[in-house]
Amino acid sequence: MRGKLNLDELIKEKGRENCFISEVSVFELRFGAENSDNPITSHKAVDRFISGLVIIPIYTAVKRYAKEKVRLRKQGTPMHDEFDLLIGVTAVENKLILVTDNEKDFKKIEGIKIENWFKRKS
C-alpha cells in the first residue's frame, strides 16, 4: 500500500478475478489507514486496492480455527498473532493459496499452501 511492493502489477498479472482477500486483512488495512498521517487519503487507497477483490468471510473457518489453534498449542508452537491464524485457516478452508511475505509464521498451519511473490522494490 505504501508503494514498497509491486502489488498492483502482480494482481494485474494474476488477474483481479483470481485474487481474494480475507475480511481480517481488510480490517488490518482499515486500521493502518485510520492510523496513518492522512486517514482520508489512506482509506481511499484501501478502497482502490480492495475494489474488485472477493472478500472472504472468516466464519466458514471457525471449526478449522479452533482445531488448528489447539493443535499448535499442544505441539508447543502456537501462533502469537490471532489475525494471522484466522487469515491462514480461512485460506486453507477455502482451498486458496496464501500470498504472504511471512512464510515463517504461516507455514505452521496444517494444509496451508503459500506463495511469496512479493518482490521488494529497491
Protein backbone atom coordinates (compact mmCIF):
# COMPACT_ATOMS: atom_id res chain seq x y z
CA MET A 1 0.00 0.00 0.00
CA ARG A 2 2.92 2.33 0.60
CA GLY A 3 4.43 1.58 -2.80
CA LYS A 4 7.09 -0.70 -1.33
CA LEU A 5 5.81 -3.76 -3.19
CA ASN A 6 4.84 -4.37 -6.81
CA LEU A 7 1.42 -5.48 -5.60
CA ASP A 8 -0.69 -3.68 -8.21
CA GLU A 9 1.40 -5.15 -11.02
CA LEU A 10 1.25 -8.64 -9.53
CA ILE A 11 -2.52 -8.55 -9.05
CA LYS A 12 -2.95 -7.29 -12.61
CA GLU A 13 -0.70 -10.11 -13.85
CA LYS A 14 -2.60 -12.79 -11.89
CA GLY A 15 -5.99 -11.29 -12.76
CA ARG A 16 -8.06 -9.43 -10.18
CA GLU A 17 -10.78 -12.06 -10.50
CA ASN A 18 -8.27 -14.66 -9.25
CA CYS A 19 -7.33 -12.67 -6.15
CA PHE A 20 -9.15 -12.87 -2.84
CA ILE A 21 -8.66 -11.14 0.48
CA SER A 22 -9.68 -12.20 3.97
CA GLU A 23 -12.03 -9.86 5.73
CA VAL A 24 -9.44 -9.86 8.53
CA SER A 25 -6.90 -8.42 6.11
CA VAL A 26 -9.39 -5.69 5.25
CA PHE A 27 -9.70 -4.92 8.98
CA GLU A 28 -5.91 -4.63 9.18
CA LEU A 29 -5.81 -2.35 6.13
CA ARG A 30 -8.53 -0.13 7.59
CA PHE A 31 -6.66 0.13 10.89
CA GLY A 32 -3.49 1.09 9.03
CA ALA A 33 -5.38 3.73 7.05
CA GLU A 34 -7.00 5.19 10.16
CA ASN A 35 -3.66 5.20 11.97
CA SER A 36 -1.84 6.92 9.10
CA ASP A 37 -0.83 10.57 8.80
CA ASN A 38 -3.65 11.10 6.28
CA PRO A 39 -6.59 8.78 7.03
CA ILE A 40 -8.85 10.14 4.29
CA THR A 41 -6.29 9.55 1.55
CA SER A 42 -5.30 6.19 3.04
CA HIS A 43 -8.90 4.94 3.22
CA LYS A 44 -9.31 5.90 -0.46
CA ALA A 45 -6.19 3.87 -1.26
CA VAL A 46 -7.67 0.88 0.59
CA ASP A 47 -10.92 1.32 -1.35
CA ARG A 48 -9.00 1.27 -4.65
CA PHE A 49 -6.93 -1.73 -3.59
CA ILE A 50 -9.83 -3.94 -2.49
CA SER A 51 -12.11 -2.88 -5.35
CA GLY A 52 -12.82 -5.95 -7.45
CA LEU A 53 -11.29 -8.39 -4.96
CA VAL A 54 -13.54 -11.03 -3.45
CA ILE A 55 -13.61 -10.55 0.33
CA ILE A 56 -13.61 -13.95 2.03
CA PRO A 57 -15.51 -14.19 5.33
CA ILE A 58 -13.85 -15.99 8.23
CA TYR A 59 -16.97 -17.66 9.62
CA THR A 60 -16.65 -20.70 7.37
CA ALA A 61 -13.27 -21.45 9.01
CA VAL A 62 -14.42 -21.34 12.66
CA LYS A 63 -14.05 -25.08 13.30
CA ARG A 64 -10.71 -25.26 11.48
CA TYR A 65 -9.50 -22.26 13.52
CA ALA A 66 -10.35 -23.96 16.82
CA LYS A 67 -8.83 -27.27 15.75
CA GLU A 68 -5.64 -25.66 14.44
CA LYS A 69 -5.20 -23.41 17.47
CA VAL A 70 -5.43 -26.42 19.80
CA ARG A 71 -3.08 -28.49 17.60
CA LEU A 72 -0.45 -25.76 17.52
CA ARG A 73 -0.72 -25.13 21.26
CA LYS A 74 -0.37 -28.85 22.08
CA GLN A 75 2.74 -29.19 19.93
CA GLY A 76 4.23 -26.12 21.61
CA THR A 77 4.24 -23.88 18.53
CA PRO A 78 1.24 -21.56 18.96
CA MET A 79 0.75 -18.67 16.59
CA HIS A 80 1.03 -15.48 18.55
CA ASP A 81 -0.93 -13.40 16.07
CA GLU A 82 -4.61 -14.39 16.15
CA PHE A 83 -5.28 -12.44 12.96
CA ASP A 84 -2.62 -14.43 11.10
CA LEU A 85 -4.13 -17.69 12.31
CA LEU A 86 -7.59 -16.57 11.14
CA ILE A 87 -6.24 -15.49 7.76
CA GLY A 88 -4.32 -18.74 7.34
CA VAL A 89 -7.12 -21.15 8.27
CA THR A 90 -9.53 -19.19 6.08
CA ALA A 91 -7.20 -19.73 3.13
CA VAL A 92 -6.97 -23.46 3.91
CA GLU A 93 -10.72 -23.83 4.40
CA ASN A 94 -11.41 -22.13 1.06
CA LYS A 95 -8.65 -24.09 -0.74
CA LEU A 96 -6.80 -20.91 -1.62
CA ILE A 97 -3.09 -20.19 -1.84
CA LEU A 98 -1.97 -17.66 0.76
CA VAL A 99 0.27 -15.00 -0.69
CA THR A 100 2.49 -13.64 2.05
CA ASP A 101 5.94 -12.37 2.83
CA ASN A 102 5.59 -14.00 6.28
CA GLU A 103 6.23 -17.63 5.41
CA LYS A 104 7.83 -18.38 8.78
CA ASP A 105 4.65 -17.97 10.82
CA PHE A 106 2.08 -19.20 8.33
CA LYS A 107 3.89 -22.44 7.45
CA LYS A 108 2.93 -23.78 10.91
CA ILE A 109 -0.69 -24.12 9.73
CA GLU A 110 -1.57 -27.62 8.62
CA GLY A 111 -2.53 -27.94 4.97
CA ILE A 112 -1.61 -24.37 4.02
CA LYS A 113 -0.28 -23.54 0.57
CA ILE A 114 1.92 -20.47 0.46
CA GLU A 115 3.40 -18.36 -2.30
CA ASN A 116 5.73 -15.47 -1.69
CA TRP A 117 5.62 -13.28 -4.78
CA PHE A 118 6.40 -10.02 -3.05
CA LYS A 119 9.46 -8.60 -4.70
CA ARG A 120 10.65 -5.58 -2.83
CA LYS A 121 11.42 -2.51 -4.87
CA SER A 122 14.93 -1.23 -4.39
